[in-house]
Amino acid sequence: MRRTVLVALLASFAPGLAWAADPPPCHDYKEIARVLAKTYEEDPVSLGVQTNGNMLQVFASAKSGTFTVLSVAPTGFACILAAGRNWEASKAKAGDPEA
C-alpha cells in the first residue's frame, strides 16, 4: 500500500509544477530514490547541505534530461521541491569559492 501511494504521488507529479499553497510531496528518502530510479531513470548527481541541516539533492536522468530536487532531513524524511526537464550539468570554474 505504501509503495502504491508513493508511485501514485510521483506519477501525478508534473515536472515543473509549483506549489502555491500546498506543501510539497514528502515520503521516506529511500523509497523516493527507488521510485525515481525505476520510473524516471534518475540517479543522484549533486548534493549540498542546507542552512537548516537538511541535504539538498538533485536526481537527474542522462537519458531523458528529467530532474528532481529533494530536501532530505537527517531522519530520512524527504520532500520533492522541484522537478523538470532539460537538466544540464555544468562544472564549477577552477578557484570559484562560490560554486
Protein backbone atom coordinates (compact mmCIF):
# COMPACT_ATOMS: atom_id res chain seq x y z
CA MET A 1 0.00 0.00 0.00
CA ARG A 2 2.76 2.44 0.97
CA ARG A 3 4.58 1.79 -2.30
CA THR A 4 1.36 2.28 -4.28
CA VAL A 5 0.73 5.63 -2.61
CA LEU A 6 4.26 6.83 -3.40
CA VAL A 7 4.11 5.66 -7.02
CA ALA A 8 0.77 7.44 -7.44
CA LEU A 9 2.20 10.55 -5.82
CA LEU A 10 5.21 10.63 -8.14
CA ALA A 11 3.20 9.65 -11.21
CA SER A 12 0.80 12.51 -10.66
CA PHE A 13 3.65 14.92 -10.07
CA ALA A 14 4.02 17.03 -13.21
CA PRO A 15 7.59 18.22 -13.87
CA GLY A 16 7.85 21.93 -13.26
CA LEU A 17 4.73 22.05 -11.10
CA ALA A 18 4.86 24.77 -8.47
CA TRP A 19 3.09 24.59 -5.13
CA ALA A 20 1.30 27.85 -4.38
CA ALA A 21 -0.25 26.98 -1.03
CA ASP A 22 0.06 23.22 -0.76
CA PRO A 23 3.08 21.62 0.87
CA PRO A 24 5.42 19.60 -1.36
CA PRO A 25 5.02 15.81 -1.54
CA CYS A 26 7.12 14.07 1.13
CA HIS A 27 7.99 10.45 1.93
CA ASP A 28 10.85 8.20 3.03
CA TYR A 29 14.05 9.09 1.13
CA LYS A 30 14.95 5.50 0.23
CA GLU A 31 11.54 4.90 -1.29
CA ILE A 32 11.55 8.15 -3.29
CA ALA A 33 15.08 7.38 -4.58
CA ARG A 34 13.97 3.87 -5.58
CA VAL A 35 10.94 5.18 -7.49
CA LEU A 36 12.95 7.92 -9.20
CA ALA A 37 15.49 5.33 -10.38
CA LYS A 38 12.93 2.78 -11.52
CA THR A 39 10.27 5.04 -13.02
CA TYR A 40 12.28 8.01 -14.30
CA GLU A 41 15.80 6.52 -14.58
CA GLU A 42 17.05 9.35 -12.36
CA ASP A 43 20.16 8.98 -10.23
CA PRO A 44 21.76 11.35 -7.69
CA VAL A 45 24.00 13.86 -9.50
CA SER A 46 24.74 16.53 -6.88
CA LEU A 47 24.10 17.47 -3.27
CA GLY A 48 24.78 20.06 -0.63
CA VAL A 49 23.89 20.86 2.96
CA GLN A 50 21.20 23.47 3.52
CA THR A 51 21.42 26.04 6.34
CA ASN A 52 18.71 24.13 8.21
CA GLY A 53 20.87 20.97 8.24
CA ASN A 54 18.90 19.15 5.56
CA MET A 55 20.60 17.74 2.50
CA LEU A 56 19.58 19.22 -0.84
CA GLN A 57 19.96 16.54 -3.50
CA VAL A 58 19.42 16.62 -7.24
CA PHE A 59 18.47 13.47 -9.16
CA ALA A 60 18.70 13.54 -12.95
CA SER A 61 18.43 11.27 -15.95
CA ALA A 62 21.18 11.50 -18.56
CA LYS A 63 18.87 9.61 -20.91
CA SER A 64 15.73 11.78 -20.73
CA GLY A 65 17.03 15.01 -19.19
CA THR A 66 14.46 14.97 -16.39
CA PHE A 67 15.44 16.04 -12.88
CA THR A 68 14.04 16.09 -9.35
CA VAL A 69 15.24 18.18 -6.40
CA LEU A 70 14.81 16.79 -2.88
CA SER A 71 15.28 18.22 0.58
CA VAL A 72 16.21 15.38 2.92
CA ALA A 73 16.07 15.68 6.72
CA PRO A 74 18.63 13.84 8.87
CA THR A 75 15.79 11.47 9.83
CA GLY A 76 15.48 10.28 6.21
CA PHE A 77 12.22 12.13 5.55
CA ALA A 78 12.43 13.71 2.09
CA CYS A 79 10.33 16.28 0.24
CA ILE A 80 10.25 16.89 -3.50
CA LEU A 81 10.94 20.59 -4.02
CA ALA A 82 11.06 20.74 -7.80
CA ALA A 83 11.12 18.63 -10.92
CA GLY A 84 11.51 19.37 -14.57
CA ARG A 85 13.11 18.66 -17.92
CA ASN A 86 16.27 19.60 -19.80
CA TRP A 87 18.74 19.17 -16.92
CA GLU A 88 22.23 20.29 -17.86
CA ALA A 89 25.26 19.65 -15.71
CA SER A 90 27.99 22.26 -15.57
CA LYS A 91 31.36 22.22 -13.90
CA ALA A 92 32.36 24.90 -11.42
CA LYS A 93 35.12 27.24 -12.54
CA ALA A 94 38.51 26.47 -11.01
CA GLY A 95 39.10 28.56 -7.93
CA ASP A 96 35.48 29.70 -7.70
CA PRO A 97 34.68 29.55 -3.94
CA GLU A 98 31.02 30.39 -4.62
CA ALA A 99 30.46 27.24 -6.68
